[in-house]
PDB file of N, CA and C in Angstrom:
ATOM      1  N   MET A   1      -4.419   6.082  15.057  1.00  0.00           N
ATOM      2  CA  MET A   1      -5.122   5.301  14.049  1.00  0.00           C
ATOM      3  C   MET A   1      -6.611   5.501  14.238  1.00  0.00           C
ATOM      4  N   SER A   2      -7.309   5.646  13.123  1.00  0.00           N
ATOM      5  CA  SER A   2      -8.741   5.880  13.215  1.00  0.00           C
ATOM      6  C   SER A   2      -9.561   4.602  13.073  1.00  0.00           C
ATOM      7  N   GLY A   3      -8.977   3.538  12.535  1.00  0.00           N
ATOM      8  CA  GLY A   3      -9.694   2.276  12.400  1.00  0.00           C
ATOM      9  C   GLY A   3     -10.781   2.320  11.343  1.00  0.00           C
ATOM     10  N   PRO A   4     -11.675   1.305  11.362  1.00  0.00           N
ATOM     11  CA  PRO A   4     -12.734   1.231  10.368  1.00  0.00           C
ATOM     12  C   PRO A   4     -13.666   2.440  10.450  1.00  0.00           C
ATOM     13  N   SER A   5     -14.111   2.901   9.296  1.00  0.00           N
ATOM     14  CA  SER A   5     -15.094   3.986   9.255  1.00  0.00           C
ATOM     15  C   SER A   5     -15.682   4.072   7.853  1.00  0.00           C
ATOM     16  N   GLU A   6     -16.709   4.901   7.709  1.00  0.00           N
ATOM     17  CA  GLU A   6     -17.362   5.081   6.425  1.00  0.00           C
ATOM     18  C   GLU A   6     -16.348   5.538   5.382  1.00  0.00           C
ATOM     19  N   GLY A   7     -16.387   4.941   4.209  1.00  0.00           N
ATOM     20  CA  GLY A   7     -15.479   5.312   3.135  1.00  0.00           C
ATOM     21  C   GLY A   7     -14.165   4.548   3.144  1.00  0.00           C
ATOM     22  N   LYS A   8     -13.968   3.664   4.117  1.00  0.00           N
ATOM     23  CA  LYS A   8     -12.754   2.835   4.145  1.00  0.00           C
ATOM     24  C   LYS A   8     -13.130   1.409   3.757  1.00  0.00           C
ATOM     25  N   ILE A   9     -12.446   0.869   2.755  1.00  0.00           N
ATOM     26  CA  ILE A   9     -12.682  -0.495   2.282  1.00  0.00           C
ATOM     27  C   ILE A   9     -11.532  -1.363   2.771  1.00  0.00           C
ATOM     28  N   HIS A  10     -11.842  -2.393   3.548  1.00  0.00           N
ATOM     29  CA  HIS A  10     -10.810  -3.278   4.091  1.00  0.00           C
ATOM     30  C   HIS A  10     -10.331  -4.230   3.010  1.00  0.00           C
ATOM     31  N   LEU A  11      -9.036  -4.216   2.699  1.00  0.00           N
ATOM     32  CA  LEU A  11      -8.478  -5.086   1.658  1.00  0.00           C
ATOM     33  C   LEU A  11      -8.003  -6.419   2.203  1.00  0.00           C
ATOM     34  N   GLY A  12      -7.641  -6.484   3.454  1.00  0.00           N
ATOM     35  CA  GLY A  12      -7.124  -7.717   4.033  1.00  0.00           C
ATOM     36  C   GLY A  12      -5.954  -7.429   4.935  1.00  0.00           C
ATOM     37  N   LYS A  13      -5.411  -8.462   5.523  1.00  0.00           N
ATOM     38  CA  LYS A  13      -4.276  -8.311   6.425  1.00  0.00           C
ATOM     39  C   LYS A  13      -2.981  -8.477   5.644  1.00  0.00           C
ATOM     40  N   ALA A  14      -2.117  -7.492   5.755  1.00  0.00           N
ATOM     41  CA  ALA A  14      -0.850  -7.502   5.027  1.00  0.00           C
ATOM     42  C   ALA A  14       0.261  -8.044   5.919  1.00  0.00           C
ATOM     43  N   ASP A  15       1.259  -8.631   5.293  1.00  0.00           N
ATOM     44  CA  ASP A  15       2.505  -8.976   5.976  1.00  0.00           C
ATOM     45  C   ASP A  15       3.447  -7.803   5.777  1.00  0.00           C
ATOM     46  N   VAL A  16       4.026  -7.310   6.860  1.00  0.00           N
ATOM     47  CA  VAL A  16       4.903  -6.146   6.817  1.00  0.00           C
ATOM     48  C   VAL A  16       6.263  -6.548   7.381  1.00  0.00           C
ATOM     49  N   TYR A  17       7.319  -6.216   6.636  1.00  0.00           N
ATOM     50  CA  TYR A  17       8.675  -6.607   7.019  1.00  0.00           C
ATOM     51  C   TYR A  17       9.636  -5.434   6.871  1.00  0.00           C
ATOM     52  N   VAL A  18      10.628  -5.357   7.751  1.00  0.00           N
ATOM     53  CA  VAL A  18      11.793  -4.516   7.503  1.00  0.00           C
ATOM     54  C   VAL A  18      12.770  -5.419   6.757  1.00  0.00           C
ATOM     55  N   HIS A  19      13.093  -5.036   5.528  1.00  0.00           N
ATOM     56  CA  HIS A  19      13.968  -5.831   4.659  1.00  0.00           C
ATOM     57  C   HIS A  19      15.357  -5.203   4.710  1.00  0.00           C
ATOM     58  N   LEU A  20      16.301  -5.912   5.297  1.00  0.00           N
ATOM     59  CA  LEU A  20      17.637  -5.381   5.556  1.00  0.00           C
ATOM     60  C   LEU A  20      18.541  -5.430   4.333  1.00  0.00           C
ATOM     61  N   LYS A  21      19.284  -4.340   4.152  1.00  0.00           N
ATOM     62  CA  LYS A  21      20.261  -4.257   3.067  1.00  0.00           C
ATOM     63  C   LYS A  21      21.218  -5.447   3.142  1.00  0.00           C
ATOM     64  N   GLY A  22      21.481  -6.042   1.980  1.00  0.00           N
ATOM     65  CA  GLY A  22      22.421  -7.154   1.905  1.00  0.00           C
ATOM     66  C   GLY A  22      21.796  -8.510   2.168  1.00  0.00           C
ATOM     67  N   LYS A  23      20.531  -8.541   2.531  1.00  0.00           N
ATOM     68  CA  LYS A  23      19.831  -9.806   2.779  1.00  0.00           C
ATOM     69  C   LYS A  23      18.752  -9.990   1.725  1.00  0.00           C
ATOM     70  N   SER A  24      18.625 -11.196   1.203  1.00  0.00           N
ATOM     71  CA  SER A  24      17.594 -11.520   0.207  1.00  0.00           C
ATOM     72  C   SER A  24      17.565 -10.508  -0.940  1.00  0.00           C
ATOM     73  N   ARG A  25      18.742 -10.148  -1.432  1.00  0.00           N
ATOM     74  CA  ARG A  25      18.942  -9.280  -2.599  1.00  0.00           C
ATOM     75  C   ARG A  25      18.544  -7.814  -2.393  1.00  0.00           C
ATOM     76  N   ALA A  26      18.328  -7.368  -1.156  1.00  0.00           N
ATOM     77  CA  ALA A  26      18.000  -5.954  -0.930  1.00  0.00           C
ATOM     78  C   ALA A  26      19.262  -5.108  -1.082  1.00  0.00           C
ATOM     79  N   THR A  27      19.173  -4.065  -1.902  1.00  0.00           N
ATOM     80  CA  THR A  27      20.321  -3.163  -2.075  1.00  0.00           C
ATOM     81  C   THR A  27      20.260  -1.984  -1.121  1.00  0.00           C
ATOM     82  N   VAL A  28      19.093  -1.725  -0.528  1.00  0.00           N
ATOM     83  CA  VAL A  28      18.914  -0.735   0.539  1.00  0.00           C
ATOM     84  C   VAL A  28      17.921  -1.312   1.550  1.00  0.00           C
ATOM     85  N   THR A  29      18.028  -0.901   2.792  1.00  0.00           N
ATOM     86  CA  THR A  29      17.049  -1.317   3.790  1.00  0.00           C
ATOM     87  C   THR A  29      15.741  -0.588   3.503  1.00  0.00           C
ATOM     88  N   HIS A  30      14.635  -1.320   3.533  1.00  0.00           N
ATOM     89  CA  HIS A  30      13.331  -0.746   3.227  1.00  0.00           C
ATOM     90  C   HIS A  30      12.242  -1.542   3.925  1.00  0.00           C
ATOM     91  N   ILE A  31      11.013  -1.086   3.815  1.00  0.00           N
ATOM     92  CA  ILE A  31       9.864  -1.785   4.385  1.00  0.00           C
ATOM     93  C   ILE A  31       9.074  -2.413   3.242  1.00  0.00           C
ATOM     94  N   ASP A  32       8.781  -3.700   3.372  1.00  0.00           N
ATOM     95  CA  ASP A  32       7.936  -4.426   2.419  1.00  0.00           C
ATOM     96  C   ASP A  32       6.546  -4.576   3.015  1.00  0.00           C
ATOM     97  N   ILE A  33       5.523  -4.210   2.261  1.00  0.00           N
ATOM     98  CA  ILE A  33       4.136  -4.468   2.623  1.00  0.00           C
ATOM     99  C   ILE A  33       3.625  -5.448   1.586  1.00  0.00           C
ATOM    100  N   GLU A  34       3.364  -6.674   2.012  1.00  0.00           N
ATOM    101  CA  GLU A  34       3.004  -7.731   1.076  1.00  0.00           C
ATOM    102  C   GLU A  34       1.522  -8.074   1.221  1.00  0.00           C
ATOM    103  N   LEU A  35       0.762  -7.763   0.164  1.00  0.00           N
ATOM    104  CA  LEU A  35      -0.672  -8.043   0.112  1.00  0.00           C
ATOM    105  C   LEU A  35      -1.054  -8.059  -1.364  1.00  0.00           C
ATOM    106  N   ASP A  36      -1.435  -9.224  -1.881  1.00  0.00           N
ATOM    107  CA  ASP A  36      -1.728  -9.371  -3.311  1.00  0.00           C
ATOM    108  C   ASP A  36      -2.725  -8.334  -3.814  1.00  0.00           C
ATOM    109  N   GLU A  37      -3.730  -7.999  -3.001  1.00  0.00           N
ATOM    110  CA  GLU A  37      -4.765  -7.061  -3.427  1.00  0.00           C
ATOM    111  C   GLU A  37      -4.212  -5.683  -3.762  1.00  0.00           C
ATOM    112  N   LEU A  38      -3.075  -5.309  -3.190  1.00  0.00           N
ATOM    113  CA  LEU A  38      -2.479  -4.010  -3.503  1.00  0.00           C
ATOM    114  C   LEU A  38      -2.082  -3.914  -4.972  1.00  0.00           C
ATOM    115  N   ASN A  39      -1.746  -5.055  -5.599  1.00  0.00           N
ATOM    116  CA  ASN A  39      -1.354  -5.042  -7.009  1.00  0.00           C
ATOM    117  C   ASN A  39      -2.516  -4.747  -7.948  1.00  0.00           C
ATOM    118  N   GLU A  40      -3.751  -4.777  -7.437  1.00  0.00           N
ATOM    119  CA  GLU A  40      -4.898  -4.355  -8.235  1.00  0.00           C
ATOM    120  C   GLU A  40      -4.955  -2.838  -8.329  1.00  0.00           C
ATOM    121  N   ILE A  41      -4.293  -2.157  -7.402  1.00  0.00           N
ATOM    122  CA  ILE A  41      -4.295  -0.695  -7.343  1.00  0.00           C
ATOM    123  C   ILE A  41      -2.962  -0.124  -7.808  1.00  0.00           C
ATOM    124  N   ILE A  42      -1.878  -0.636  -7.259  1.00  0.00           N
ATOM    125  CA  ILE A  42      -0.523  -0.211  -7.639  1.00  0.00           C
ATOM    126  C   ILE A  42       0.113  -1.386  -8.369  1.00  0.00           C
ATOM    127  N   LYS A  43       0.300  -1.236  -9.667  1.00  0.00           N
ATOM    128  CA  LYS A  43       0.836  -2.323 -10.488  1.00  0.00           C
ATOM    129  C   LYS A  43       2.334  -2.492 -10.231  1.00  0.00           C
ATOM    130  N   PRO A  44       2.841  -3.729 -10.339  1.00  0.00           N
ATOM    131  CA  PRO A  44       4.283  -3.944 -10.179  1.00  0.00           C
ATOM    132  C   PRO A  44       5.078  -3.014 -11.097  1.00  0.00           C
ATOM    133  N   GLY A  45       6.094  -2.374 -10.548  1.00  0.00           N
ATOM    134  CA  GLY A  45       6.932  -1.448 -11.300  1.00  0.00           C
ATOM    135  C   GLY A  45       6.501   0.002 -11.182  1.00  0.00           C
ATOM    136  N   GLU A  46       5.263   0.266 -10.740  1.00  0.00           N
ATOM    137  CA  GLU A  46       4.817   1.654 -10.551  1.00  0.00           C
ATOM    138  C   GLU A  46       5.366   2.195  -9.227  1.00  0.00           C
ATOM    139  N   ASN A  47       5.505   3.508  -9.170  1.00  0.00           N
ATOM    140  CA  ASN A  47       5.977   4.154  -7.945  1.00  0.00           C
ATOM    141  C   ASN A  47       4.976   5.175  -7.466  1.00  0.00           C
ATOM    142  N   THR A  48       4.944   5.391  -6.176  1.00  0.00           N
ATOM    143  CA  THR A  48       4.074   6.365  -5.551  1.00  0.00           C
ATOM    144  C   THR A  48       4.815   6.942  -4.357  1.00  0.00           C
ATOM    145  N   TYR A  49       4.114   7.528  -3.416  1.00  0.00           N
ATOM    146  CA  TYR A  49       4.780   8.080  -2.239  1.00  0.00           C
ATOM    147  C   TYR A  49       4.059   7.625  -0.979  1.00  0.00           C
ATOM    148  N   ILE A  50       4.749   7.753   0.135  1.00  0.00           N
ATOM    149  CA  ILE A  50       4.191   7.352   1.426  1.00  0.00           C
ATOM    150  C   ILE A  50       4.444   8.459   2.436  1.00  0.00           C
ATOM    151  N   GLY A  51       3.529   8.628   3.351  1.00  0.00           N
ATOM    152  CA  GLY A  51       3.679   9.622   4.405  1.00  0.00           C
ATOM    153  C   GLY A  51       3.307   9.005   5.741  1.00  0.00           C
ATOM    154  N   SER A  52       3.702   9.665   6.805  1.00  0.00           N
ATOM    155  CA  SER A  52       3.373   9.121   8.121  1.00  0.00           C
ATOM    156  C   SER A  52       2.139   9.811   8.679  1.00  0.00           C
ATOM    157  N   LYS A  53       1.462   9.109   9.575  1.00  0.00           N
ATOM    158  CA  LYS A  53       0.330   9.653  10.309  1.00  0.00           C
ATOM    159  C   LYS A  53       0.356   9.012  11.684  1.00  0.00           C
ATOM    160  N   ASP A  54      -0.398   9.546  12.622  1.00  0.00           N
ATOM    161  CA  ASP A  54      -0.454   8.940  13.942  1.00  0.00           C
ATOM    162  C   ASP A  54      -0.845   7.474  13.826  1.00  0.00           C
ATOM    163  N   GLY A  55      -0.024   6.596  14.351  1.00  0.00           N
ATOM    164  CA  GLY A  55      -0.333   5.171  14.366  1.00  0.00           C
ATOM    165  C   GLY A  55      -0.030   4.413  13.100  1.00  0.00           C
ATOM    166  N   GLY A  56       0.593   5.033  12.113  1.00  0.00           N
ATOM    167  CA  GLY A  56       0.894   4.287  10.897  1.00  0.00           C
ATOM    168  C   GLY A  56       1.366   5.158   9.761  1.00  0.00           C
ATOM    169  N   VAL A  57       1.038   4.741   8.563  1.00  0.00           N
ATOM    170  CA  VAL A  57       1.440   5.450   7.348  1.00  0.00           C
ATOM    171  C   VAL A  57       0.269   5.458   6.375  1.00  0.00           C
ATOM    172  N   PHE A  58       0.349   6.318   5.364  1.00  0.00           N
ATOM    173  CA  PHE A  58      -0.604   6.287   4.264  1.00  0.00           C
ATOM    174  C   PHE A  58       0.188   6.235   2.970  1.00  0.00           C
ATOM    175  N   ILE A  59      -0.413   5.651   1.943  1.00  0.00           N
ATOM    176  CA  ILE A  59       0.204   5.574   0.628  1.00  0.00           C
ATOM    177  C   ILE A  59      -0.585   6.506  -0.286  1.00  0.00           C
ATOM    178  N   GLY A  60       0.089   7.519  -0.807  1.00  0.00           N
ATOM    179  CA  GLY A  60      -0.549   8.434  -1.759  1.00  0.00           C
ATOM    180  C   GLY A  60      -0.655   7.774  -3.113  1.00  0.00           C
ATOM    181  N   LEU A  61      -1.745   8.030  -3.816  1.00  0.00           N
ATOM    182  CA  LEU A  61      -1.992   7.396  -5.106  1.00  0.00           C
ATOM    183  C   LEU A  61      -2.017   8.420  -6.225  1.00  0.00           C
ATOM    184  N   LYS A  62      -1.465   8.034  -7.373  1.00  0.00           N
ATOM    185  CA  LYS A  62      -1.544   8.836  -8.588  1.00  0.00           C
ATOM    186  C   LYS A  62      -2.920   8.627  -9.225  1.00  0.00           C
ATOM    187  N   LYS A  63      -3.277   9.501 -10.161  1.00  0.00           N
ATOM    188  CA  LYS A  63      -4.620   9.500 -10.748  1.00  0.00           C
ATOM    189  C   LYS A  63      -5.055   8.118 -11.235  1.00  0.00           C
ATOM    190  N   GLU A  64      -4.206   7.437 -12.001  1.00  0.00           N
ATOM    191  CA  GLU A  64      -4.595   6.123 -12.533  1.00  0.00           C
ATOM    192  C   GLU A  64      -4.759   5.092 -11.414  1.00  0.00           C
ATOM    193  N   MET A  65      -3.992   5.240 -10.343  1.00  0.00           N
ATOM    194  CA  MET A  65      -4.123   4.339  -9.201  1.00  0.00           C
ATOM    195  C   MET A  65      -5.428   4.605  -8.461  1.00  0.00           C
ATOM    196  N   ILE A  66      -5.797   5.879  -8.352  1.00  0.00           N
ATOM    197  CA  ILE A  66      -7.066   6.243  -7.713  1.00  0.00           C
ATOM    198  C   ILE A  66      -8.222   5.627  -8.475  1.00  0.00           C
ATOM    199  N   GLU A  67      -8.169   5.693  -9.797  1.00  0.00           N
ATOM    200  CA  GLU A  67      -9.231   5.097 -10.616  1.00  0.00           C
ATOM    201  C   GLU A  67      -9.343   3.603 -10.356  1.00  0.00           C
ATOM    202  N   ARG A  68      -8.204   2.914 -10.287  1.00  0.00           N
ATOM    203  CA  ARG A  68      -8.240   1.461 -10.012  1.00  0.00           C
ATOM    204  C   ARG A  68      -8.753   1.189  -8.603  1.00  0.00           C
ATOM    205  N   ALA A  69      -8.343   2.020  -7.627  1.00  0.00           N
ATOM    206  CA  ALA A  69      -8.808   1.838  -6.235  1.00  0.00           C
ATOM    207  C   ALA A  69     -10.320   1.999  -6.154  1.00  0.00           C
ATOM    208  N   GLU A  70     -10.857   2.963  -6.875  1.00  0.00           N
ATOM    209  CA  GLU A  70     -12.294   3.183  -6.867  1.00  0.00           C
ATOM    210  C   GLU A  70     -13.039   2.023  -7.511  1.00  0.00           C
ATOM    211  N   LYS A  71     -12.459   1.418  -8.550  1.00  0.00           N
ATOM    212  CA  LYS A  71     -13.074   0.243  -9.165  1.00  0.00           C
ATOM    213  C   LYS A  71     -13.052  -0.943  -8.211  1.00  0.00           C
ATOM    214  N   VAL A  72     -11.915  -1.156  -7.524  1.00  0.00           N
ATOM    215  CA  VAL A  72     -11.779  -2.252  -6.569  1.00  0.00           C
ATOM    216  C   VAL A  72     -12.804  -2.096  -5.441  1.00  0.00           C
ATOM    217  N   SER A  73     -13.038  -0.856  -5.025  1.00  0.00           N
ATOM    218  CA  SER A  73     -13.961  -0.605  -3.911  1.00  0.00           C
ATOM    219  C   SER A  73     -15.421  -0.689  -4.324  1.00  0.00           C
ATOM    220  N   GLY A  74     -15.677  -0.753  -5.637  1.00  0.00           N
ATOM    221  CA  GLY A  74     -17.036  -0.799  -6.125  1.00  0.00           C
ATOM    222  C   GLY A  74     -17.674   0.571  -6.311  1.00  0.00           C
ATOM    223  N   LYS A  75     -16.876   1.632  -6.149  1.00  0.00           N
ATOM    224  CA  LYS A  75     -17.409   2.990  -6.294  1.00  0.00           C
ATOM    225  C   LYS A  75     -17.782   3.299  -7.734  1.00  0.00           C
ATOM    226  N   LYS A  76     -16.992   2.786  -8.693  1.00  0.00           N
ATOM    227  CA  LYS A  76     -17.268   3.057 -10.110  1.00  0.00           C
ATOM    228  C   LYS A  76     -17.849   1.833 -10.778  1.00  0.00           C
TER     229      LYS A  76
END
């Protein structure tokens, strides 16, 4: 993990859960990352991709999501 650095905007602390299949309506086991601010970038119902990196994961963004992320960060 690289931690805080130039060009990284801190959104807040997320709650992260392993959501088990068959519990709380999950049809497959998956990871939930719960942080309201993420919905300003990735709207409910949209899909993207995730990859791993040392110490964590990254979420890849589609063009329209990148535009929203840049607005949230104050870049645009």
